[in-house]
Amino acid sequence: MKICHNCQGAMDDEAQVCPTCGAPWEAPAAETSAEAPEAAPETVEAAPEAPEASEAAPVMPETTPESPTPKKGGRGAVVALVLVAVLAVAAVVGKSAWDRNRAQNDAAQSDTQDTTADTPSDASESDATTQITAEEAAANPLLHNNAYGYRSYSAHFATDEATGEQVFTYLNADGETVTIPAEDVEKAMDTVVATAGSLELTNRELLYYYDQQYYSFYTNYGSYLMYLMDTTKPLDEQLDLNGADTWQKFFIDASLQAFQQTAALYDEAMAAGYTLDEDMQASLDSLADDLNAVAVQNGYDDAERYLDDFFGAAATLESYRTFLEVNQIASGYANSLINSMTFTDAELSDYYDANAESLQSSYGLQKVDKNVIDVRHILISPEDTESEESWAAAEAEAQRIYDEWKAGEATEESFAALATEYTQDPGSQTTGGLYEDVYPGQMVTEFNDWCFADGRAVGDSEIVKTSYGYHIMYFSGEGEDIYWKLAVEELMRSERFTETLTELAQGYPMASSPELFALLDRTAPTVPSAESEESGETESADGTNTGTETPDETNTGTETAGDTSEEPQD
């Protein structure tokens, strides 16, 4: 098994797409800090353009010439296929990490962002303000126009402290609280809202898809969320970047597209006789026991209560397991398709030549036919980079350590021991100074030139000066892969699989009933006011100011023992 770099979820060794968060597999890289020898200045990136619903862009290997962190080579597919969590315990761990990161981002956002509430007047011609008809309201008790005038498909859920039961409410267009009977919510959750191939999508399952879509969106755009939305507010109270609909509808549409893709892959997998491997099947079989153990550790009575707090009372262990099994089969089959794609050297070369300008300008990817290498180093940095005396002292210390190594056994093992003891590079201290699968152009110039000099042989050593200090170098060996070919292969796999998935989905048309969509939202709704519109703050139904609070400061009525963070909003 291997671990996803995004959510820490477990992945099968052959998997190229994480079943937990939908992220592509990326081999782990050595950790570095700002003091690492190959560290490059951090650049400020512009906020991304509004992504289309459920469309995941291919992930290009990070190949900036002055990049600090060696990225291990490998055949990781770069298709961020929008599929859901499969290993429930891994999903829970991922969500916990997501919550911590979100709390940090929201804290930063509350200090820097003007969170002026969207109001109906901001989008008088928006589809989001279409009024709910009497027929729609009769068919769907959760559908309503909220206090902002927007169409909302969700009810807020919170636990009644006296009875322990969940209460479902929403604020109508007049800002009045409407309570929905639990039996009506349960009936709405069992309503089929979409079909594709052999699969039916109920609102109960839509909760899972919706949650995954928001989580996946966060992993891709987390550092930019403050520019895209106000994450302290329900998503049905603010318009997406296109201004035509709410963020809630954006993620519903993304969920439907993911469902259609899943249905296509699932039916294709069944037709091909695809079955889960033993490890994945065992994980599903132990789902109840594993989730119960995690639930108890987090202060819940059992797995059912745990799921209730994540998704609302509509979530059940049985429906969650079925949902995970379907999506694991779809994800596993997708990985089998990706792994079956092969390209000749001529095809890789032609692709690079046709896209050379963008590959070089955007990613620093050079067509250099040199294999990746393994190298060890010991970094000795000057205390003051502006002081010649500090540089001289660092050079003397590096020479002393180098002489000590040469006077001893002068082996790679003894070099690694000295690196662990002396190196000032935190990114390689725990690995005995080792960086693996380093590719041309990845390290700073002097470091890179030494590693890839013609005739470089195992056991070569030398002291090299860079802007970070003096590096005592030891050449460990050469890998089998040529990096530019790996990078181009990943891009070609991404493009080909995207085309394949599009064609498959077209063969499984989806029918849906948008007027019947129903979601459960643990984030308390707010109402606009003249004062909040001027100040950028909003008030909740009970008058609590939420415009500048972080999740840790806002009590949503659903806090649990040991966990006060909020969940993705509906």
Protein backbone atom coordinates (compact mmCIF):
# COMPACT_ATOMS: atom_id res chain seq x y z
CA MET A 1 0.00 0.00 0.00
CA LYS A 2 1.05 3.62 -0.56
CA ILE A 3 -0.21 6.90 0.89
CA CYS A 4 -1.82 9.78 -1.00
CA HIS A 5 0.10 13.05 -0.68
CA ASN A 6 -3.16 15.05 -0.56
CA CYS A 7 -5.32 13.33 2.05
CA GLN A 8 -3.06 10.63 3.53
CA GLY A 9 -5.50 7.98 2.38
CA ALA A 10 -4.37 4.44 1.62
CA MET A 11 -3.83 3.49 -2.02
CA ASP A 12 -3.15 0.20 -3.74
CA ASP A 13 0.43 -0.09 -4.99
CA GLU A 14 -0.72 -0.09 -8.62
CA ALA A 15 -3.27 2.73 -8.24
CA GLN A 16 -2.61 5.93 -10.16
CA VAL A 17 -5.64 7.87 -8.85
CA CYS A 18 -6.36 8.20 -5.12
CA PRO A 19 -9.72 6.60 -4.29
CA THR A 20 -10.05 8.85 -1.25
CA CYS A 21 -9.79 12.33 -2.74
CA GLY A 22 -9.47 11.80 -6.49
CA ALA A 23 -5.96 13.25 -6.62
CA PRO A 24 -3.32 11.77 -8.92
CA TRP A 25 -0.57 9.66 -7.36
CA GLU A 26 2.59 11.63 -6.74
CA ALA A 27 5.61 9.88 -5.27
CA PRO A 28 6.68 11.44 -1.96
CA ALA A 29 9.34 14.10 -2.05
CA ALA A 30 11.96 14.87 0.55
CA GLU A 31 10.80 17.59 2.88
CA THR A 32 12.69 20.86 2.82
CA SER A 33 12.42 24.17 4.54
CA ALA A 34 13.38 27.67 3.56
CA GLU A 35 16.88 26.79 4.73
CA ALA A 36 17.22 23.80 2.45
CA PRO A 37 20.12 24.03 0.04
CA GLU A 38 18.07 24.07 -3.11
CA ALA A 39 15.33 26.33 -1.87
CA ALA A 40 14.03 28.85 -4.36
CA PRO A 41 12.24 32.09 -3.53
CA GLU A 42 8.53 31.60 -3.05
CA THR A 43 6.51 33.21 -5.79
CA VAL A 44 3.11 34.80 -5.47
CA GLU A 45 0.63 33.18 -7.79
CA ALA A 46 -2.51 34.83 -9.10
CA ALA A 47 -5.87 33.47 -8.06
CA PRO A 48 -7.09 30.82 -10.50
CA GLU A 49 -9.87 31.41 -12.95
CA ALA A 50 -13.23 29.94 -12.08
CA PRO A 51 -13.04 26.19 -12.80
CA GLU A 52 -15.88 24.45 -14.53
CA ALA A 53 -18.00 22.16 -12.43
CA SER A 54 -16.35 18.82 -11.74
CA GLU A 55 -13.60 19.37 -14.28
CA ALA A 56 -10.23 18.39 -12.90
CA ALA A 57 -7.22 19.76 -14.68
CA PRO A 58 -4.22 17.53 -15.38
CA VAL A 59 -1.44 17.91 -12.86
CA MET A 60 1.82 18.84 -14.51
CA PRO A 61 4.99 17.63 -12.76
CA GLU A 62 6.67 20.44 -10.88
CA THR A 63 9.85 21.15 -12.79
CA THR A 64 10.83 24.72 -12.05
CA PRO A 65 14.60 24.87 -12.68
CA GLU A 66 15.40 26.32 -9.26
CA SER A 67 12.91 24.13 -7.41
CA PRO A 68 14.03 23.14 -3.91
CA THR A 69 12.32 19.80 -3.52
CA PRO A 70 13.32 16.72 -5.48
CA LYS A 71 10.24 15.05 -6.91
CA LYS A 72 10.72 11.33 -7.26
CA GLY A 73 10.29 9.95 -10.73
CA GLY A 74 7.55 7.48 -11.48
CA ARG A 75 4.67 6.66 -13.74
CA GLY A 76 2.06 8.43 -11.65
CA ALA A 77 -1.02 9.18 -13.70
CA VAL A 78 -2.00 12.81 -13.60
CA VAL A 79 -5.72 12.42 -14.07
CA ALA A 80 -7.51 13.96 -11.09
CA LEU A 81 -10.56 11.81 -11.67
CA VAL A 82 -13.45 13.08 -9.61
CA LEU A 83 -14.29 9.99 -7.60
CA VAL A 84 -15.20 9.58 -3.97
CA ALA A 85 -13.62 8.25 -0.82
CA VAL A 86 -13.37 4.50 -0.80
CA LEU A 87 -11.53 3.52 2.34
CA ALA A 88 -13.79 5.02 4.96
CA VAL A 89 -11.17 5.33 7.67
CA ALA A 90 -8.80 7.01 5.23
CA ALA A 91 -11.62 9.34 4.22
CA VAL A 92 -12.22 10.26 7.85
CA VAL A 93 -8.53 10.97 8.40
CA GLY A 94 -8.45 13.04 5.23
CA LYS A 95 -11.48 15.03 6.31
CA SER A 96 -9.90 15.73 9.67
CA ALA A 97 -6.83 17.12 7.96
CA TRP A 98 -9.09 19.06 5.64
CA ASP A 99 -10.86 20.61 8.63
CA ARG A 100 -7.60 21.72 10.23
CA ASN A 101 -6.39 23.31 7.01
CA ARG A 102 -9.73 24.94 6.42
CA ALA A 103 -9.77 26.43 9.90
CA GLN A 104 -6.35 27.97 9.26
CA ASN A 105 -7.42 29.38 5.90
CA ASP A 106 -10.64 30.75 7.32
CA ALA A 107 -8.71 32.43 10.12
CA ALA A 108 -6.51 34.11 7.53
CA GLN A 109 -9.52 34.94 5.43
CA SER A 110 -11.33 36.65 8.29
CA ASP A 111 -8.35 39.00 8.66
CA THR A 112 -7.90 39.82 4.98
CA GLN A 113 -11.13 39.40 3.07
CA ASP A 114 -14.10 41.71 2.76
CA THR A 115 -16.90 39.18 3.09
CA THR A 116 -19.72 41.34 1.79
CA ALA A 117 -22.84 39.22 1.50
CA ASP A 118 -24.37 38.58 -1.87
CA THR A 119 -27.94 39.83 -2.08
CA PRO A 120 -30.66 39.31 -4.66
CA SER A 121 -29.99 42.79 -6.02
CA ASP A 122 -26.46 41.67 -6.90
CA ALA A 123 -27.83 39.20 -9.41
CA SER A 124 -31.31 40.28 -10.42
CA GLU A 125 -31.03 38.35 -13.67
CA SER A 126 -29.38 35.31 -12.11
CA ASP A 127 -30.85 31.82 -12.37
CA ALA A 128 -30.19 31.60 -8.66
CA THR A 129 -33.08 33.96 -7.89
CA THR A 130 -35.75 31.99 -9.76
CA GLN A 131 -38.75 31.74 -7.48
CA ILE A 132 -39.88 28.37 -6.15
CA THR A 133 -43.29 27.39 -7.52
CA ALA A 134 -46.03 25.88 -5.40
CA GLU A 135 -45.67 22.59 -7.29
CA GLU A 136 -41.92 22.45 -6.60
CA ALA A 137 -42.43 23.22 -2.91
CA ALA A 138 -45.04 20.50 -2.61
CA ALA A 139 -42.72 17.92 -4.22
CA ASN A 140 -39.62 18.87 -2.25
CA PRO A 141 -39.93 20.11 1.36
CA LEU A 142 -36.28 21.27 1.43
CA LEU A 143 -36.47 23.44 -1.70
CA HIS A 144 -36.96 27.13 -0.91
CA ASN A 145 -35.84 30.68 -1.61
CA ASN A 146 -33.59 31.69 1.25
CA ALA A 147 -33.17 35.03 2.99
CA TYR A 148 -30.90 36.20 0.16
CA GLY A 149 -33.52 35.39 -2.44
CA TYR A 150 -31.50 32.48 -3.83
CA ARG A 151 -32.83 29.02 -4.59
CA SER A 152 -31.63 26.65 -1.90
CA TYR A 153 -31.76 22.88 -1.83
CA SER A 154 -30.66 22.40 1.75
CA ALA A 155 -31.86 22.34 5.30
CA HIS A 156 -29.65 23.15 8.26
CA PHE A 157 -29.25 20.26 10.68
CA ALA A 158 -28.32 20.55 14.36
CA THR A 159 -28.65 18.33 17.40
CA ASP A 160 -31.27 19.23 19.99
CA GLU A 161 -29.36 19.23 23.27
CA ALA A 162 -32.43 18.18 25.25
CA THR A 163 -33.54 15.22 23.14
CA GLY A 164 -30.39 14.32 21.25
CA GLU A 165 -32.40 14.29 18.02
CA GLN A 166 -31.45 16.18 14.89
CA VAL A 167 -33.62 19.16 13.97
CA PHE A 168 -33.93 20.32 10.35
CA THR A 169 -34.63 23.97 9.56
CA TYR A 170 -34.10 26.67 6.95
CA LEU A 171 -34.62 30.42 6.73
CA ASN A 172 -37.17 31.45 4.14
CA ALA A 173 -37.13 34.56 1.97
CA ASP A 174 -38.49 36.59 4.89
CA GLY A 175 -35.75 35.39 7.23
CA GLU A 176 -38.22 33.25 9.17
CA THR A 177 -37.24 29.84 10.52
CA VAL A 178 -39.09 26.91 8.95
CA THR A 179 -38.83 23.53 10.64
CA ILE A 180 -39.07 20.40 8.47
CA PRO A 181 -40.40 17.19 10.07
CA ALA A 182 -37.74 14.49 10.29
CA GLU A 183 -39.98 12.05 8.41
CA ASP A 184 -40.23 14.48 5.47
CA VAL A 185 -36.45 14.78 5.37
CA GLU A 186 -36.09 11.00 5.46
CA LYS A 187 -38.53 10.64 2.58
CA ALA A 188 -36.66 13.28 0.57
CA MET A 189 -33.38 11.48 1.16
CA ASP A 190 -34.77 8.30 -0.43
CA THR A 191 -35.98 10.16 -3.51
CA VAL A 192 -34.20 9.19 -6.73
CA VAL A 193 -32.92 12.38 -8.36
CA ALA A 194 -30.77 11.02 -11.19
CA THR A 195 -30.10 7.84 -13.17
CA ALA A 196 -27.20 6.81 -15.41
CA GLY A 197 -26.56 3.33 -16.74
CA SER A 198 -27.55 0.78 -14.12
CA LEU A 199 -27.17 3.23 -11.20
CA GLU A 200 -29.71 5.39 -9.42
CA LEU A 201 -28.74 8.43 -7.37
CA THR A 202 -30.81 9.24 -4.31
CA ASN A 203 -30.42 12.38 -2.25
CA ARG A 204 -28.89 10.21 0.46
CA GLU A 205 -26.06 9.31 -1.91
CA LEU A 206 -25.94 12.87 -3.26
CA LEU A 207 -24.78 13.92 0.21
CA TYR A 208 -21.68 11.75 -0.21
CA TYR A 209 -20.92 12.95 -3.73
CA TYR A 210 -21.47 16.56 -2.76
CA ASP A 211 -19.17 16.32 0.24
CA GLN A 212 -16.45 14.72 -1.90
CA GLN A 213 -16.76 17.35 -4.60
CA TYR A 214 -16.23 20.17 -2.14
CA TYR A 215 -13.34 18.32 -0.49
CA SER A 216 -11.75 17.66 -3.88
CA PHE A 217 -12.22 21.32 -4.84
CA TYR A 218 -10.52 22.34 -1.61
CA THR A 219 -7.49 20.11 -2.24
CA ASN A 220 -7.03 21.72 -5.65
CA TYR A 221 -7.78 25.35 -4.74
CA GLY A 222 -7.36 25.45 -0.96
CA SER A 223 -4.82 28.26 -0.90
CA TYR A 224 -7.06 30.35 -3.18
CA LEU A 225 -10.44 29.77 -1.55
CA MET A 226 -10.48 33.20 0.04
CA TYR A 227 -10.48 34.63 -3.49
CA LEU A 228 -13.23 32.31 -4.69
CA MET A 229 -15.79 32.18 -1.89
CA ASP A 230 -16.52 32.99 1.72
CA THR A 231 -16.05 29.63 3.42
CA THR A 232 -17.59 30.88 6.66
CA LYS A 233 -21.00 31.15 5.01
CA PRO A 234 -23.36 28.52 3.60
CA LEU A 235 -22.78 28.00 -0.09
CA ASP A 236 -26.40 28.70 -1.01
CA GLU A 237 -25.95 32.31 0.16
CA GLN A 238 -23.30 33.34 -2.36
CA LEU A 239 -22.89 33.25 -6.11
CA ASP A 240 -20.12 31.36 -7.87
CA LEU A 241 -17.60 33.22 -9.99
CA ASN A 242 -19.81 33.03 -13.06
CA GLY A 243 -22.52 34.88 -11.15
CA ALA A 244 -25.33 32.82 -12.63
CA ASP A 245 -25.89 30.45 -9.74
CA THR A 246 -24.84 29.72 -6.18
CA TRP A 247 -21.80 27.76 -5.14
CA GLN A 248 -24.23 25.17 -3.79
CA LYS A 249 -25.62 24.56 -7.27
CA PHE A 250 -22.08 24.55 -8.65
CA PHE A 251 -21.17 21.58 -6.44
CA ILE A 252 -24.48 19.84 -7.12
CA ASP A 253 -23.70 20.01 -10.84
CA ALA A 254 -20.19 18.72 -10.13
CA SER A 255 -21.68 15.86 -8.13
CA LEU A 256 -23.97 14.89 -10.99
CA GLN A 257 -21.10 14.82 -13.45
CA ALA A 258 -19.08 12.69 -11.05
CA PHE A 259 -22.05 10.34 -10.66
CA GLN A 260 -22.37 9.96 -14.42
CA GLN A 261 -18.65 9.24 -14.76
CA THR A 262 -18.83 6.75 -11.93
CA ALA A 263 -21.84 5.02 -13.48
CA ALA A 264 -20.06 4.71 -16.82
CA LEU A 265 -16.91 3.29 -15.27
CA TYR A 266 -18.85 0.99 -12.95
CA ASP A 267 -20.95 -0.51 -15.74
CA GLU A 268 -17.90 -0.88 -17.97
CA ALA A 269 -16.08 -2.59 -15.11
CA MET A 270 -18.96 -5.01 -14.56
CA ALA A 271 -19.12 -5.80 -18.27
CA ALA A 272 -15.36 -6.46 -18.30
CA GLY A 273 -15.58 -8.76 -15.28
CA TYR A 274 -13.50 -6.45 -13.12
CA THR A 275 -13.32 -7.33 -9.41
CA LEU A 276 -11.70 -5.64 -6.44
CA ASP A 277 -8.36 -6.98 -5.29
CA GLU A 278 -8.10 -8.73 -1.93
CA ASP A 279 -6.84 -5.69 -0.04
CA MET A 280 -9.62 -3.41 -1.22
CA GLN A 281 -12.27 -6.02 -0.59
CA ALA A 282 -10.89 -6.61 2.90
CA SER A 283 -11.03 -2.89 3.59
CA LEU A 284 -14.69 -2.75 2.62
CA ASP A 285 -15.47 -5.87 4.64
CA SER A 286 -13.91 -4.35 7.75
CA LEU A 287 -15.55 -0.95 7.21
CA ALA A 288 -18.01 -1.23 10.10
CA ASP A 289 -15.37 -2.31 12.62
CA ASP A 290 -12.84 0.27 11.45
CA LEU A 291 -15.35 3.15 11.45
CA ASN A 292 -16.68 2.16 14.86
CA ALA A 293 -13.16 2.23 16.28
CA VAL A 294 -12.48 5.66 14.78
CA ALA A 295 -15.86 6.93 16.00
CA VAL A 296 -15.18 5.90 19.59
CA GLN A 297 -11.72 7.48 19.46
CA ASN A 298 -13.36 10.75 18.45
CA GLY A 299 -16.02 10.73 21.15
CA TYR A 300 -18.95 9.21 19.25
CA ASP A 301 -21.07 6.26 20.34
CA ASP A 302 -20.61 4.36 17.10
CA ALA A 303 -20.08 4.66 13.36
CA GLU A 304 -23.70 5.63 12.69
CA ARG A 305 -23.44 8.64 15.01
CA TYR A 306 -20.14 9.52 13.41
CA LEU A 307 -21.62 9.51 9.91
CA ASP A 308 -24.62 11.47 11.17
CA ASP A 309 -22.34 14.26 12.30
CA PHE A 310 -20.51 14.37 8.97
CA PHE A 311 -23.49 14.11 6.64
CA GLY A 312 -26.66 14.49 8.71
CA ALA A 313 -29.06 11.87 10.02
CA ALA A 314 -29.75 10.61 6.51
CA ALA A 315 -26.34 8.94 6.38
CA THR A 316 -26.26 5.24 7.21
CA LEU A 317 -23.43 2.76 7.44
CA GLU A 318 -25.15 0.50 4.90
CA SER A 319 -25.66 3.22 2.29
CA TYR A 320 -22.16 4.55 2.83
CA ARG A 321 -20.63 1.11 2.30
CA THR A 322 -22.64 0.55 -0.89
CA PHE A 323 -21.61 3.96 -2.13
CA LEU A 324 -17.94 3.25 -1.41
CA GLU A 325 -18.02 -0.15 -3.07
CA VAL A 326 -19.50 1.21 -6.30
CA ASN A 327 -16.96 3.98 -6.41
CA GLN A 328 -14.02 1.73 -5.55
CA ILE A 329 -14.93 -0.51 -8.47
CA ALA A 330 -15.17 2.53 -10.74
CA SER A 331 -11.89 3.93 -9.44
CA GLY A 332 -10.09 0.61 -9.71
CA TYR A 333 -11.27 0.13 -13.27
CA ALA A 334 -10.16 3.67 -14.13
CA ASN A 335 -6.70 2.88 -12.80
CA SER A 336 -6.57 -0.29 -14.90
CA LEU A 337 -7.38 1.77 -18.00
CA ILE A 338 -4.70 4.31 -17.14
CA ASN A 339 -2.07 1.67 -16.49
CA SER A 340 -2.80 0.02 -19.83
CA MET A 341 -1.87 3.15 -21.78
CA THR A 342 1.60 3.00 -23.33
CA PHE A 343 3.52 5.33 -25.62
CA THR A 344 6.59 4.86 -27.77
CA ASP A 345 9.66 7.05 -27.44
CA ALA A 346 8.80 8.55 -30.82
CA GLU A 347 5.32 9.52 -29.59
CA LEU A 348 6.78 11.10 -26.45
CA SER A 349 9.32 13.03 -28.50
CA ASP A 350 6.72 14.26 -30.98
CA TYR A 351 4.45 15.45 -28.16
CA TYR A 352 7.30 17.35 -26.53
CA ASP A 353 8.35 18.97 -29.80
CA ALA A 354 4.77 20.03 -30.54
CA ASN A 355 4.40 21.61 -27.08
CA ALA A 356 8.00 22.60 -26.37
CA GLU A 357 7.36 26.30 -25.85
CA SER A 358 4.63 25.84 -23.23
CA LEU A 359 6.45 22.97 -21.51
CA GLN A 360 9.58 25.07 -21.16
CA SER A 361 7.99 28.40 -20.27
CA SER A 362 5.34 27.07 -17.90
CA TYR A 363 7.13 24.13 -16.30
CA GLY A 364 10.81 24.51 -17.05
CA LEU A 365 10.75 21.06 -18.62
CA GLN A 366 13.88 20.58 -20.70
CA LYS A 367 14.32 17.76 -23.22
CA VAL A 368 17.55 16.46 -21.68
CA ASP A 369 18.32 12.79 -22.28
CA LYS A 370 19.93 12.15 -18.92
CA ASN A 371 18.63 9.68 -16.37
CA VAL A 372 17.52 10.75 -12.92
CA ILE A 373 20.22 10.35 -10.29
CA ASP A 374 20.63 9.73 -6.56
CA VAL A 375 22.95 12.02 -4.63
CA ARG A 376 23.94 12.60 -1.01
CA HIS A 377 25.21 15.87 0.35
CA ILE A 378 26.18 17.57 3.58
CA LEU A 379 25.29 21.25 3.71
CA ILE A 380 27.25 23.70 5.81
CA SER A 381 25.70 27.17 5.62
CA PRO A 382 27.30 30.45 6.70
CA GLU A 383 25.75 32.07 9.73
CA ASP A 384 25.66 35.39 7.89
CA THR A 385 25.44 35.20 4.11
CA GLU A 386 26.60 38.83 3.88
CA SER A 387 29.79 38.16 5.84
CA GLU A 388 32.97 36.94 4.13
CA GLU A 389 34.19 35.66 7.50
CA SER A 390 31.05 33.52 7.86
CA TRP A 391 31.57 32.08 4.40
CA ALA A 392 35.18 31.32 5.20
CA ALA A 393 34.19 29.60 8.44
CA ALA A 394 31.57 27.51 6.61
CA GLU A 395 34.12 26.49 3.98
CA ALA A 396 36.62 25.48 6.65
CA GLU A 397 34.01 23.40 8.47
CA ALA A 398 32.97 21.69 5.25
CA GLN A 399 36.60 20.88 4.46
CA ARG A 400 37.11 19.50 7.97
CA ILE A 401 34.12 17.16 7.66
CA TYR A 402 35.18 16.13 4.14
CA ASP A 403 38.71 15.34 5.35
CA GLU A 404 37.29 13.36 8.27
CA TRP A 405 35.23 11.24 5.87
CA LYS A 406 38.17 10.63 3.50
CA ALA A 407 40.44 9.69 6.43
CA GLY A 408 37.95 7.08 7.55
CA GLU A 409 36.29 4.29 5.61
CA ALA A 410 35.20 6.76 2.93
CA THR A 411 32.11 4.70 2.10
CA GLU A 412 28.58 5.78 1.31
CA GLU A 413 27.49 4.44 4.67
CA SER A 414 30.04 6.53 6.56
CA PHE A 415 29.08 9.58 4.45
CA ALA A 416 25.43 9.07 5.39
CA ALA A 417 26.36 8.92 9.08
CA LEU A 418 28.24 12.21 8.84
CA ALA A 419 25.37 13.79 6.93
CA THR A 420 22.96 12.82 9.69
CA GLU A 421 25.31 14.37 12.25
CA TYR A 422 26.39 17.55 10.49
CA THR A 423 24.16 18.59 7.61
CA GLN A 424 22.18 21.79 7.98
CA ASP A 425 19.66 20.74 5.33
CA PRO A 426 16.54 19.59 7.23
CA GLY A 427 15.13 18.15 4.01
CA SER A 428 17.74 15.39 3.87
CA GLN A 429 19.03 15.07 7.42
CA THR A 430 16.85 12.07 8.22
CA THR A 431 17.88 10.31 4.98
CA GLY A 432 21.62 10.59 5.49
CA GLY A 433 21.78 13.49 3.07
CA LEU A 434 20.12 11.48 0.30
CA TYR A 435 17.99 12.88 -2.50
CA GLU A 436 16.62 10.31 -4.91
CA ASP A 437 15.50 10.55 -8.52
CA VAL A 438 16.82 14.08 -8.99
CA TYR A 439 16.22 15.27 -12.55
CA PRO A 440 18.10 17.80 -14.71
CA GLY A 441 17.24 21.38 -13.87
CA GLN A 442 15.68 20.57 -10.53
CA MET A 443 18.44 21.82 -8.24
CA VAL A 444 20.23 25.14 -8.15
CA THR A 445 22.75 25.56 -10.94
CA GLU A 446 26.02 24.57 -9.24
CA PHE A 447 24.43 21.59 -7.49
CA ASN A 448 22.74 20.50 -10.73
CA ASP A 449 25.87 20.90 -12.89
CA TRP A 450 27.94 18.72 -10.58
CA CYS A 451 25.32 15.97 -10.48
CA PHE A 452 24.86 15.80 -14.25
CA ALA A 453 28.43 16.38 -15.40
CA ASP A 454 29.49 14.00 -18.16
CA GLY A 455 31.36 11.02 -16.80
CA ARG A 456 29.95 11.33 -13.29
CA ALA A 457 30.45 7.95 -11.54
CA VAL A 458 29.28 6.26 -8.35
CA GLY A 459 31.51 7.25 -5.45
CA ASP A 460 32.54 10.63 -6.86
CA SER A 461 32.79 13.32 -4.19
CA GLU A 462 33.65 17.01 -4.00
CA ILE A 463 32.82 20.25 -2.21
CA VAL A 464 30.49 22.51 -4.21
CA LYS A 465 29.58 26.09 -3.31
CA THR A 466 26.07 27.45 -3.92
CA SER A 467 24.20 30.46 -2.58
CA TYR A 468 23.10 28.30 0.34
CA GLY A 469 26.55 27.32 1.50
CA TYR A 470 29.06 24.55 0.91
CA HIS A 471 27.82 21.13 -0.11
CA ILE A 472 29.96 18.06 0.41
CA MET A 473 28.74 15.91 -2.47
CA TYR A 474 28.60 12.14 -2.91
CA PHE A 475 27.24 10.59 -6.10
CA SER A 476 25.14 7.55 -5.20
CA GLY A 477 24.05 6.34 -8.60
CA GLU A 478 21.89 6.70 -11.67
CA GLY A 479 18.25 5.72 -12.05
CA GLU A 480 16.56 4.10 -15.02
CA ASP A 481 14.22 6.91 -15.99
CA ILE A 482 14.66 9.98 -18.16
CA TYR A 483 12.56 12.63 -16.47
CA TRP A 484 11.19 14.57 -19.42
CA LYS A 485 9.83 11.35 -20.84
CA LEU A 486 8.07 10.56 -17.56
CA ALA A 487 6.55 14.03 -17.42
CA VAL A 488 5.37 13.93 -21.03
CA GLU A 489 4.01 10.42 -20.55
CA GLU A 490 1.95 11.62 -17.60
CA LEU A 491 0.48 14.45 -19.63
CA MET A 492 -0.32 12.14 -22.53
CA ARG A 493 -1.96 9.64 -20.18
CA SER A 494 -4.01 12.47 -18.71
CA GLU A 495 -5.21 13.68 -22.09
CA ARG A 496 -5.95 10.22 -23.42
CA PHE A 497 -7.82 9.15 -20.29
CA THR A 498 -9.85 12.37 -20.29
CA GLU A 499 -10.89 11.59 -23.85
CA THR A 500 -11.68 7.98 -22.92
CA LEU A 501 -13.77 8.98 -19.92
CA THR A 502 -15.67 11.57 -21.95
CA GLU A 503 -16.51 8.97 -24.57
CA LEU A 504 -17.58 6.45 -21.93
CA ALA A 505 -19.82 8.96 -20.17
CA GLN A 506 -21.50 9.87 -23.46
CA GLY A 507 -22.55 6.25 -23.75
CA TYR A 508 -24.34 6.46 -20.41
CA PRO A 509 -26.65 9.49 -20.64
CA MET A 510 -27.95 10.83 -17.36
CA ALA A 511 -31.50 11.85 -16.51
CA SER A 512 -32.02 14.08 -13.48
CA SER A 513 -34.76 15.92 -11.59
CA PRO A 514 -33.19 19.17 -10.29
CA GLU A 515 -36.37 20.25 -8.52
CA LEU A 516 -36.02 17.24 -6.20
CA PHE A 517 -32.42 17.80 -5.05
CA ALA A 518 -32.07 17.90 -1.27
CA LEU A 519 -28.99 18.45 0.88
CA LEU A 520 -28.22 18.73 4.58
CA ASP A 521 -26.01 21.58 5.75
CA ARG A 522 -24.45 21.84 9.20
CA THR A 523 -23.55 25.52 8.72
CA ALA A 524 -26.17 27.84 10.20
CA PRO A 525 -27.87 30.12 7.65
CA THR A 526 -27.57 33.89 7.87
CA VAL A 527 -29.74 36.84 6.94
CA PRO A 528 -28.60 40.00 5.17
CA SER A 529 -28.96 43.37 6.82
CA ALA A 530 -28.28 46.94 5.76
CA GLU A 531 -25.44 47.16 8.26
CA SER A 532 -23.85 43.88 7.11
CA GLU A 533 -24.06 44.91 3.45
CA GLU A 534 -22.10 48.07 4.24
CA SER A 535 -19.52 46.43 6.51
CA GLY A 536 -19.09 43.13 4.71
CA GLU A 537 -20.42 41.23 7.71
CA THR A 538 -23.49 39.01 7.98
CA GLU A 539 -25.74 38.15 10.84
CA SER A 540 -27.08 34.74 11.66
CA ALA A 541 -30.72 34.12 12.49
CA ASP A 542 -30.04 34.63 16.17
CA GLY A 543 -28.25 37.94 15.55
CA THR A 544 -24.75 36.55 15.99
CA ASN A 545 -22.21 38.37 13.85
CA THR A 546 -20.39 35.81 11.69
CA GLY A 547 -18.69 38.00 9.11
CA THR A 548 -15.26 37.97 10.74
CA GLU A 549 -15.37 34.84 12.86
CA THR A 550 -13.38 31.72 12.13
CA PRO A 551 -15.00 28.28 12.34
CA ASP A 552 -13.49 27.77 15.77
CA GLU A 553 -15.30 30.89 17.00
CA THR A 554 -18.68 30.09 15.51
CA ASN A 555 -20.79 27.49 17.31
CA THR A 556 -22.92 25.68 14.77
CA GLY A 557 -24.63 23.50 17.33
CA THR A 558 -22.91 20.39 16.04
CA GLU A 559 -19.64 20.36 17.94
CA THR A 560 -18.42 16.99 19.12
CA ALA A 561 -16.01 15.81 21.73
CA GLY A 562 -12.48 16.60 20.67
CA ASP A 563 -13.52 18.14 17.35
CA THR A 564 -14.78 21.69 16.97
CA SER A 565 -13.99 22.15 13.30
CA GLU A 566 -16.65 22.61 10.66
CA GLU A 567 -17.39 20.33 7.75
CA PRO A 568 -17.68 21.18 4.06
CA GLN A 569 -20.72 23.33 3.48
CA ASP A 570 -23.70 22.38 1.35
